[in-house]
Amino acid sequence: MLKRFSISLEEKLLDIFDEHIKAHSYNNRSEAIRDLIRKAYVKEEWESDKQVMGVISLVYDHHQHKLQEKVTLVQHDYHHHIVCTTHVHMDHDNCLEVIVVRGNAREVSDLAARLTALKGVRDGNLAMSSTGKTLH
């Protein structure tokens, strides 16, 4: 069930919001507002250490001594949080590892931090999401 409400904004802030809507290809302000509210809620879930989902992406040099072994060892330490992994050979030297994770936010964040801190990881990112259970 949809409910309507109205908000008041300064003209400059509304202009900024309308530019945001265009830049992100929203069809209307309502869609953009819903998305911002969901993102704020997901952020709260992570900050309050609730059950969350996420995606850890790592770009690394596969020639780095024992790095693949270290990545695997860290993943085994957190095996109960790992849903699946995908390994992509980007070119002769670089690999992309994508790890879908689930668990309490603190432990998932710790896993991401341990992986991205490994010597030889060129780029690492944790995309935080919700389990979706409360986003109806």
N, C-alpha and C. Protein backbone atom coordinates (compact mmCIF):
# COMPACT_ATOMS: atom_id res chain seq x y z
N MET A 1 0.84 -1.17 0.00
CA MET A 1 0.00 0.00 0.00
C MET A 1 0.89 1.24 0.00
N LEU A 2 0.65 2.15 -0.91
CA LEU A 2 1.39 3.40 -0.98
C LEU A 2 0.67 4.48 -0.18
N LYS A 3 1.44 5.31 0.47
CA LYS A 3 0.90 6.46 1.19
C LYS A 3 1.60 7.70 0.68
N ARG A 4 0.88 8.76 0.57
CA ARG A 4 1.43 10.03 0.11
C ARG A 4 1.77 10.92 1.30
N PHE A 5 2.83 11.69 1.13
CA PHE A 5 3.16 12.74 2.09
C PHE A 5 3.86 13.84 1.32
N SER A 6 3.93 14.98 1.90
CA SER A 6 4.62 16.08 1.21
C SER A 6 5.78 16.55 2.07
N ILE A 7 6.76 17.14 1.40
CA ILE A 7 7.90 17.70 2.10
C ILE A 7 8.18 19.09 1.55
N SER A 8 8.84 19.88 2.34
CA SER A 8 9.23 21.23 1.92
C SER A 8 10.74 21.30 1.91
N LEU A 9 11.28 21.86 0.83
CA LEU A 9 12.73 22.00 0.69
C LEU A 9 13.06 23.39 0.19
N GLU A 10 14.23 23.87 0.56
CA GLU A 10 14.72 25.11 -0.03
C GLU A 10 14.91 24.89 -1.53
N GLU A 11 14.73 25.93 -2.31
CA GLU A 11 14.80 25.81 -3.76
C GLU A 11 16.14 25.24 -4.21
N LYS A 12 17.23 25.71 -3.63
CA LYS A 12 18.57 25.24 -4.01
C LYS A 12 18.72 23.74 -3.74
N LEU A 13 18.22 23.29 -2.59
CA LEU A 13 18.30 21.87 -2.25
C LEU A 13 17.45 21.03 -3.21
N LEU A 14 16.29 21.54 -3.58
CA LEU A 14 15.45 20.84 -4.54
C LEU A 14 16.13 20.76 -5.91
N ASP A 15 16.81 21.83 -6.31
CA ASP A 15 17.56 21.81 -7.57
C ASP A 15 18.64 20.73 -7.55
N ILE A 16 19.35 20.65 -6.43
CA ILE A 16 20.39 19.63 -6.27
C ILE A 16 19.77 18.23 -6.35
N PHE A 17 18.63 18.05 -5.69
CA PHE A 17 17.94 16.76 -5.70
C PHE A 17 17.48 16.40 -7.11
N ASP A 18 16.93 17.35 -7.83
CA ASP A 18 16.49 17.10 -9.20
C ASP A 18 17.67 16.72 -10.11
N GLU A 19 18.82 17.32 -9.89
CA GLU A 19 20.01 16.93 -10.65
C GLU A 19 20.43 15.51 -10.31
N HIS A 20 20.32 15.16 -9.05
CA HIS A 20 20.61 13.79 -8.60
C HIS A 20 19.67 12.81 -9.30
N ILE A 21 18.41 13.16 -9.39
CA ILE A 21 17.42 12.31 -10.05
C ILE A 21 17.80 12.09 -11.51
N LYS A 22 18.18 13.15 -12.19
CA LYS A 22 18.58 13.03 -13.60
C LYS A 22 19.84 12.17 -13.74
N ALA A 23 20.82 12.45 -12.91
CA ALA A 23 22.11 11.75 -13.00
C ALA A 23 21.97 10.24 -12.75
N HIS A 24 20.99 9.86 -11.93
CA HIS A 24 20.81 8.45 -11.59
C HIS A 24 19.62 7.81 -12.31
N SER A 25 19.05 8.54 -13.26
CA SER A 25 17.99 8.02 -14.14
C SER A 25 16.73 7.57 -13.42
N TYR A 26 16.39 8.24 -12.33
CA TYR A 26 15.11 7.95 -11.68
C TYR A 26 13.99 8.50 -12.54
N ASN A 27 12.84 7.85 -12.52
CA ASN A 27 11.69 8.32 -13.27
C ASN A 27 10.99 9.49 -12.59
N ASN A 28 11.11 9.53 -11.25
CA ASN A 28 10.43 10.60 -10.52
C ASN A 28 11.05 10.77 -9.14
N ARG A 29 10.61 11.79 -8.44
CA ARG A 29 11.14 12.08 -7.11
C ARG A 29 10.80 10.98 -6.11
N SER A 30 9.62 10.39 -6.23
CA SER A 30 9.22 9.34 -5.28
C SER A 30 10.18 8.16 -5.32
N GLU A 31 10.57 7.73 -6.52
CA GLU A 31 11.52 6.62 -6.62
C GLU A 31 12.85 6.98 -5.97
N ALA A 32 13.30 8.19 -6.19
CA ALA A 32 14.57 8.63 -5.61
C ALA A 32 14.49 8.69 -4.09
N ILE A 33 13.39 9.20 -3.57
CA ILE A 33 13.21 9.28 -2.11
C ILE A 33 13.19 7.88 -1.50
N ARG A 34 12.44 6.95 -2.13
CA ARG A 34 12.40 5.57 -1.62
C ARG A 34 13.79 4.96 -1.58
N ASP A 35 14.57 5.19 -2.63
CA ASP A 35 15.92 4.64 -2.68
C ASP A 35 16.80 5.24 -1.58
N LEU A 36 16.71 6.53 -1.37
CA LEU A 36 17.51 7.17 -0.31
C LEU A 36 17.12 6.64 1.07
N ILE A 37 15.83 6.43 1.30
CA ILE A 37 15.38 5.89 2.59
C ILE A 37 15.92 4.48 2.78
N ARG A 38 15.83 3.66 1.74
CA ARG A 38 16.37 2.29 1.84
C ARG A 38 17.87 2.29 2.14
N LYS A 39 18.60 3.16 1.44
CA LYS A 39 20.05 3.23 1.68
C LYS A 39 20.36 3.65 3.11
N ALA A 40 19.58 4.59 3.63
CA ALA A 40 19.78 5.01 5.02
C ALA A 40 19.49 3.86 5.97
N TYR A 41 18.45 3.09 5.66
CA TYR A 41 18.10 1.96 6.51
C TYR A 41 19.19 0.88 6.47
N VAL A 42 19.71 0.59 5.29
CA VAL A 42 20.79 -0.39 5.17
C VAL A 42 22.00 0.07 5.97
N LYS A 43 22.31 1.35 5.89
CA LYS A 43 23.43 1.91 6.67
C LYS A 43 23.20 1.69 8.16
N GLU A 44 21.97 1.90 8.63
CA GLU A 44 21.65 1.67 10.04
C GLU A 44 21.83 0.20 10.42
N GLU A 45 21.40 -0.71 9.53
CA GLU A 45 21.58 -2.14 9.81
C GLU A 45 23.05 -2.46 10.02
N TRP A 46 23.91 -1.91 9.16
CA TRP A 46 25.35 -2.16 9.28
C TRP A 46 25.89 -1.54 10.56
N GLU A 47 25.47 -0.33 10.88
CA GLU A 47 25.99 0.35 12.07
C GLU A 47 25.53 -0.32 13.37
N SER A 48 24.38 -1.00 13.34
CA SER A 48 23.89 -1.66 14.55
C SER A 48 24.19 -3.15 14.55
N ASP A 49 25.09 -3.59 13.66
CA ASP A 49 25.61 -4.95 13.64
C ASP A 49 24.53 -6.00 13.44
N LYS A 50 23.56 -5.71 12.58
CA LYS A 50 22.49 -6.68 12.28
C LYS A 50 22.96 -7.66 11.21
N GLN A 51 22.11 -8.64 10.92
CA GLN A 51 22.38 -9.59 9.85
C GLN A 51 22.29 -8.86 8.51
N VAL A 52 23.33 -8.98 7.71
CA VAL A 52 23.43 -8.23 6.46
C VAL A 52 23.95 -9.13 5.35
N MET A 53 23.90 -8.60 4.14
CA MET A 53 24.50 -9.23 2.97
C MET A 53 25.49 -8.23 2.40
N GLY A 54 26.45 -8.71 1.66
CA GLY A 54 27.40 -7.82 1.02
C GLY A 54 28.17 -8.54 -0.06
N VAL A 55 28.93 -7.74 -0.81
CA VAL A 55 29.80 -8.28 -1.85
C VAL A 55 31.18 -7.66 -1.66
N ILE A 56 32.16 -8.51 -1.50
CA ILE A 56 33.55 -8.06 -1.40
C ILE A 56 34.19 -8.30 -2.76
N SER A 57 34.79 -7.26 -3.31
CA SER A 57 35.52 -7.44 -4.57
C SER A 57 36.98 -7.12 -4.33
N LEU A 58 37.83 -7.95 -4.87
CA LEU A 58 39.28 -7.79 -4.75
C LEU A 58 39.92 -7.85 -6.12
N VAL A 59 40.81 -6.93 -6.40
CA VAL A 59 41.66 -7.00 -7.59
C VAL A 59 43.07 -7.19 -7.08
N TYR A 60 43.73 -8.21 -7.58
CA TYR A 60 45.08 -8.47 -7.09
C TYR A 60 45.97 -9.08 -8.16
N ASP A 61 47.25 -8.97 -7.91
CA ASP A 61 48.29 -9.53 -8.79
C ASP A 61 48.48 -10.99 -8.41
N HIS A 62 48.15 -11.89 -9.28
CA HIS A 62 48.26 -13.30 -8.93
C HIS A 62 49.71 -13.77 -8.85
N HIS A 63 50.66 -12.92 -9.28
CA HIS A 63 52.07 -13.27 -9.15
C HIS A 63 52.61 -12.97 -7.74
N GLN A 64 51.85 -12.22 -6.95
CA GLN A 64 52.29 -11.89 -5.58
C GLN A 64 52.46 -13.20 -4.81
N HIS A 65 53.62 -13.38 -4.23
CA HIS A 65 53.99 -14.62 -3.55
C HIS A 65 52.95 -15.03 -2.51
N LYS A 66 52.37 -16.20 -2.70
CA LYS A 66 51.42 -16.85 -1.78
C LYS A 66 50.14 -16.04 -1.51
N LEU A 67 49.86 -15.03 -2.33
CA LEU A 67 48.66 -14.23 -2.08
C LEU A 67 47.38 -15.05 -2.24
N GLN A 68 47.29 -15.83 -3.29
CA GLN A 68 46.08 -16.64 -3.49
C GLN A 68 45.86 -17.58 -2.31
N GLU A 69 46.93 -18.14 -1.80
CA GLU A 69 46.85 -19.02 -0.63
C GLU A 69 46.34 -18.24 0.59
N LYS A 70 46.84 -17.01 0.78
CA LYS A 70 46.40 -16.19 1.92
C LYS A 70 44.93 -15.80 1.79
N VAL A 71 44.51 -15.46 0.58
CA VAL A 71 43.10 -15.13 0.34
C VAL A 71 42.23 -16.33 0.72
N THR A 72 42.64 -17.50 0.31
CA THR A 72 41.88 -18.72 0.61
C THR A 72 41.85 -19.00 2.11
N LEU A 73 42.98 -18.82 2.78
CA LEU A 73 43.02 -19.06 4.23
C LEU A 73 42.09 -18.12 4.99
N VAL A 74 42.08 -16.85 4.62
CA VAL A 74 41.18 -15.89 5.27
C VAL A 74 39.73 -16.30 5.02
N GLN A 75 39.43 -16.69 3.78
CA GLN A 75 38.06 -17.10 3.48
C GLN A 75 37.66 -18.33 4.30
N HIS A 76 38.57 -19.25 4.51
CA HIS A 76 38.26 -20.42 5.33
C HIS A 76 38.01 -20.03 6.78
N ASP A 77 38.72 -19.01 7.27
CA ASP A 77 38.48 -18.53 8.63
C ASP A 77 37.06 -17.99 8.79
N TYR A 78 36.46 -17.53 7.71
CA TYR A 78 35.12 -16.94 7.73
C TYR A 78 34.15 -17.75 6.85
N HIS A 79 34.40 -19.04 6.70
CA HIS A 79 33.62 -19.87 5.78
C HIS A 79 32.11 -19.79 6.02
N HIS A 80 31.70 -19.62 7.27
CA HIS A 80 30.28 -19.58 7.60
C HIS A 80 29.60 -18.28 7.12
N HIS A 81 30.39 -17.30 6.68
CA HIS A 81 29.85 -16.04 6.16
C HIS A 81 29.87 -15.98 4.63
N ILE A 82 30.56 -16.91 4.00
CA ILE A 82 30.73 -16.85 2.55
C ILE A 82 29.65 -17.68 1.86
N VAL A 83 28.88 -17.00 1.02
CA VAL A 83 27.82 -17.66 0.26
C VAL A 83 28.41 -18.27 -1.01
N CYS A 84 29.21 -17.49 -1.75
CA CYS A 84 29.87 -18.00 -2.95
C CYS A 84 31.00 -17.05 -3.35
N THR A 85 31.87 -17.55 -4.19
CA THR A 85 32.95 -16.73 -4.74
C THR A 85 33.06 -16.97 -6.24
N THR A 86 33.51 -15.94 -6.93
CA THR A 86 33.79 -16.05 -8.35
C THR A 86 35.17 -15.46 -8.60
N HIS A 87 35.97 -16.19 -9.36
CA HIS A 87 37.33 -15.77 -9.66
C HIS A 87 37.43 -15.50 -11.16
N VAL A 88 37.89 -14.30 -11.52
CA VAL A 88 37.98 -13.91 -12.92
C VAL A 88 39.43 -13.54 -13.23
N HIS A 89 39.94 -14.06 -14.32
CA HIS A 89 41.28 -13.70 -14.78
C HIS A 89 41.14 -12.47 -15.68
N MET A 90 41.54 -11.32 -15.19
CA MET A 90 41.36 -10.06 -15.91
C MET A 90 42.33 -9.93 -17.08
N ASP A 91 43.57 -10.30 -16.85
CA ASP A 91 44.60 -10.27 -17.87
C ASP A 91 45.71 -11.20 -17.40
N HIS A 92 46.88 -11.09 -17.97
CA HIS A 92 47.97 -12.00 -17.62
C HIS A 92 48.38 -11.90 -16.15
N ASP A 93 48.25 -10.71 -15.56
CA ASP A 93 48.75 -10.50 -14.20
C ASP A 93 47.67 -10.33 -13.14
N ASN A 94 46.49 -9.87 -13.53
CA ASN A 94 45.49 -9.45 -12.55
C ASN A 94 44.28 -10.36 -12.49
N CYS A 95 43.80 -10.54 -11.27
CA CYS A 95 42.60 -11.34 -11.03
C CYS A 95 41.59 -10.49 -10.27
N LEU A 96 40.33 -10.82 -10.48
CA LEU A 96 39.22 -10.22 -9.73
C LEU A 96 38.54 -11.35 -8.99
N GLU A 97 38.42 -11.19 -7.70
CA GLU A 97 37.70 -12.16 -6.88
C GLU A 97 36.48 -11.44 -6.31
N VAL A 98 35.31 -12.04 -6.51
CA VAL A 98 34.06 -11.49 -6.01
C VAL A 98 33.51 -12.48 -5.00
N ILE A 99 33.24 -12.00 -3.78
CA ILE A 99 32.83 -12.87 -2.69
C ILE A 99 31.50 -12.35 -2.14
N VAL A 100 30.47 -13.16 -2.24
CA VAL A 100 29.16 -12.81 -1.68
C VAL A 100 29.15 -13.29 -0.24
N VAL A 101 28.82 -12.38 0.68
CA VAL A 101 28.90 -12.68 2.10
C VAL A 101 27.58 -12.39 2.81
N ARG A 102 27.39 -13.08 3.94
CA ARG A 102 26.19 -12.88 4.77
C ARG A 102 26.61 -13.12 6.22
N GLY A 103 26.07 -12.32 7.13
CA GLY A 103 26.35 -12.50 8.54
C GLY A 103 26.16 -11.21 9.28
N ASN A 104 26.62 -11.18 10.54
CA ASN A 104 26.48 -9.92 11.25
C ASN A 104 27.49 -8.93 10.70
N ALA A 105 27.09 -7.67 10.70
CA ALA A 105 27.84 -6.63 9.99
C ALA A 105 29.29 -6.52 10.44
N ARG A 106 29.53 -6.62 11.73
CA ARG A 106 30.90 -6.48 12.23
C ARG A 106 31.82 -7.56 11.67
N GLU A 107 31.37 -8.81 11.68
CA GLU A 107 32.20 -9.89 11.19
C GLU A 107 32.41 -9.82 9.68
N VAL A 108 31.38 -9.43 8.94
CA VAL A 108 31.51 -9.27 7.50
C VAL A 108 32.50 -8.14 7.19
N SER A 109 32.41 -7.05 7.95
CA SER A 109 33.36 -5.94 7.77
C SER A 109 34.78 -6.37 8.11
N ASP A 110 34.92 -7.17 9.17
CA ASP A 110 36.25 -7.68 9.54
C ASP A 110 36.84 -8.55 8.43
N LEU A 111 36.01 -9.40 7.85
CA LEU A 111 36.46 -10.23 6.73
C LEU A 111 36.95 -9.37 5.58
N ALA A 112 36.16 -8.37 5.21
CA ALA A 112 36.55 -7.48 4.11
C ALA A 112 37.86 -6.76 4.43
N ALA A 113 38.00 -6.29 5.65
CA ALA A 113 39.21 -5.58 6.05
C ALA A 113 40.44 -6.49 5.98
N ARG A 114 40.29 -7.73 6.45
CA ARG A 114 41.43 -8.66 6.40
C ARG A 114 41.84 -8.96 4.97
N LEU A 115 40.86 -9.13 4.08
CA LEU A 115 41.18 -9.44 2.69
C LEU A 115 41.81 -8.26 1.98
N THR A 116 41.25 -7.07 2.15
CA THR A 116 41.78 -5.91 1.43
C THR A 116 43.14 -5.48 1.95
N ALA A 117 43.48 -5.86 3.16
CA ALA A 117 44.77 -5.48 3.74
C ALA A 117 45.91 -6.40 3.30
N LEU A 118 45.60 -7.51 2.65
CA LEU A 118 46.66 -8.44 2.23
C LEU A 118 47.59 -7.78 1.22
N LYS A 119 48.89 -7.99 1.40
CA LYS A 119 49.88 -7.45 0.48
C LYS A 119 49.67 -8.02 -0.91
N GLY A 120 49.55 -7.13 -1.88
CA GLY A 120 49.33 -7.54 -3.26
C GLY A 120 47.92 -7.27 -3.74
N VAL A 121 46.99 -7.00 -2.80
CA VAL A 121 45.65 -6.63 -3.20
C VAL A 121 45.72 -5.19 -3.68
N ARG A 122 45.39 -4.98 -4.95
CA ARG A 122 45.51 -3.65 -5.56
C ARG A 122 44.28 -2.80 -5.31
N ASP A 123 43.14 -3.44 -5.18
CA ASP A 123 41.91 -2.72 -4.91
C ASP A 123 40.96 -3.66 -4.20
N GLY A 124 40.26 -3.14 -3.23
CA GLY A 124 39.29 -3.94 -2.50
C GLY A 124 38.10 -3.07 -2.12
N ASN A 125 36.93 -3.68 -2.14
CA ASN A 125 35.73 -2.91 -1.84
C ASN A 125 34.69 -3.83 -1.21
N LEU A 126 33.95 -3.28 -0.26
CA LEU A 126 32.81 -3.97 0.33
C LEU A 126 31.56 -3.20 -0.04
N ALA A 127 30.70 -3.81 -0.83
CA ALA A 127 29.41 -3.21 -1.15
C ALA A 127 28.41 -3.75 -0.14
N MET A 128 27.88 -2.87 0.69
CA MET A 128 27.01 -3.27 1.78
C MET A 128 25.56 -3.30 1.32
N SER A 129 24.85 -4.34 1.73
CA SER A 129 23.45 -4.45 1.41
C SER A 129 22.71 -5.03 2.59
N SER A 130 21.43 -5.21 2.42
CA SER A 130 20.56 -5.73 3.45
C SER A 130 20.17 -7.16 3.12
N THR A 131 19.70 -7.89 4.11
CA THR A 131 19.13 -9.19 3.82
C THR A 131 17.78 -9.02 3.13
N GLY A 132 17.22 -7.81 3.20
CA GLY A 132 15.96 -7.52 2.55
C GLY A 132 14.73 -7.88 3.36
N LYS A 133 14.93 -8.55 4.49
CA LYS A 133 13.80 -9.03 5.29
C LYS A 133 12.90 -7.92 5.81
N THR A 134 13.48 -6.77 6.07
CA THR A 134 12.68 -5.69 6.65
C THR A 134 12.45 -4.53 5.69
N LEU A 135 12.79 -4.68 4.44
CA LEU A 135 12.64 -3.60 3.47
C LEU A 135 11.39 -3.78 2.60
N HIS A 136 10.29 -4.03 3.20
CA HIS A 136 9.04 -4.24 2.45
C HIS A 136 8.30 -2.94 2.29
